[in-house]
Amino acid sequence: MTLGDVGAELNISSTQAYALVRSGELPAIQVGGRGQWRVEIRILEEFIAKAYEKSAAAARLTSPPEDDENADG
């Protein structure tokens, strides 16, 4: 996938996709004489799955504790 394709899939700009590649968060390869970046679909799917895991972990850390007195059941 091109960085434009990645951006469309993640609903971000291709510049933001490039920033993910440059930071090392999103593995990619350079191909061709002009060194255009490409990301494998499998790699992008793994990146998305990890992002969901990170988001879930962050949500657990920031969720207010349940109040046992007001809990149903």
Protein backbone atom coordinates (compact mmCIF):
# COMPACT_ATOMS: atom_id res chain seq x y z
CA MET A 1 0.00 0.00 0.00
CA THR A 2 1.18 3.53 -0.66
CA LEU A 3 1.28 6.04 2.18
CA GLY A 4 -1.76 7.65 0.56
CA ASP A 5 -3.58 4.32 0.83
CA VAL A 6 -2.47 3.96 4.45
CA GLY A 7 -3.70 7.48 5.17
CA ALA A 8 -7.06 6.73 3.60
CA GLU A 9 -7.40 3.52 5.61
CA LEU A 10 -6.58 5.29 8.89
CA ASN A 11 -8.44 8.48 7.93
CA ILE A 12 -5.26 10.56 8.28
CA SER A 13 -3.19 12.50 5.76
CA SER A 14 -0.36 10.88 3.83
CA THR A 15 1.95 13.28 5.70
CA GLN A 16 0.76 11.82 9.00
CA ALA A 17 1.26 8.31 7.59
CA TYR A 18 4.80 9.29 6.62
CA ALA A 19 5.40 10.55 10.16
CA LEU A 20 4.37 7.12 11.51
CA VAL A 21 6.88 5.49 9.15
CA ARG A 22 9.68 7.94 10.04
CA SER A 23 9.10 7.44 13.76
CA GLY A 24 9.35 3.68 13.36
CA GLU A 25 5.81 3.06 14.62
CA LEU A 26 4.72 1.76 11.23
CA PRO A 27 7.23 -0.47 9.42
CA ALA A 28 7.57 0.24 5.70
CA ILE A 29 9.97 -0.27 2.81
CA GLN A 30 11.24 2.09 0.14
CA VAL A 31 10.91 0.89 -3.45
CA GLY A 32 11.79 2.20 -6.87
CA GLY A 33 14.21 4.83 -8.05
CA ARG A 34 12.36 7.62 -6.27
CA GLY A 35 12.25 5.69 -2.98
CA GLN A 36 8.50 5.65 -2.57
CA TRP A 37 7.27 4.06 0.65
CA ARG A 38 5.12 0.93 0.75
CA VAL A 39 3.41 -0.81 3.66
CA GLU A 40 2.22 -4.41 3.53
CA ILE A 41 -1.46 -4.89 4.32
CA ARG A 42 -0.54 -7.45 7.00
CA ILE A 43 1.76 -4.91 8.68
CA LEU A 44 -0.96 -2.26 8.66
CA GLU A 45 -3.47 -4.72 10.12
CA GLU A 46 -0.99 -5.56 12.91
CA PHE A 47 -0.42 -1.85 13.54
CA ILE A 48 -4.18 -1.29 13.84
CA ALA A 49 -4.59 -4.27 16.20
CA LYS A 50 -1.80 -2.96 18.44
CA ALA A 51 -3.38 0.50 18.43
CA TYR A 52 -6.65 -1.04 19.64
CA GLU A 53 -4.76 -2.86 22.42
CA LYS A 54 -3.02 0.36 23.49
CA SER A 55 -6.33 2.26 23.46
CA ALA A 56 -8.05 -0.41 25.54
CA ALA A 57 -5.21 -0.42 28.07
CA ALA A 58 -5.29 3.38 28.30
CA ALA A 59 -9.06 3.32 28.78
CA ARG A 60 -8.71 0.84 31.63
CA LEU A 61 -6.17 3.10 33.32
CA THR A 62 -8.31 6.21 33.04
CA SER A 63 -11.71 4.64 33.80
CA PRO A 64 -13.16 5.67 37.14
CA PRO A 65 -13.41 2.77 39.61
CA GLU A 66 -16.86 1.26 40.04
CA ASP A 67 -18.73 2.32 43.14
CA ASP A 68 -19.81 -0.92 44.85
CA GLU A 69 -22.65 0.84 46.66
CA ASN A 70 -24.26 1.99 43.40
CA ALA A 71 -23.46 -1.07 41.28
CA ASP A 72 -26.37 -3.05 39.89
CA GLY A 73 -26.71 -6.69 40.90
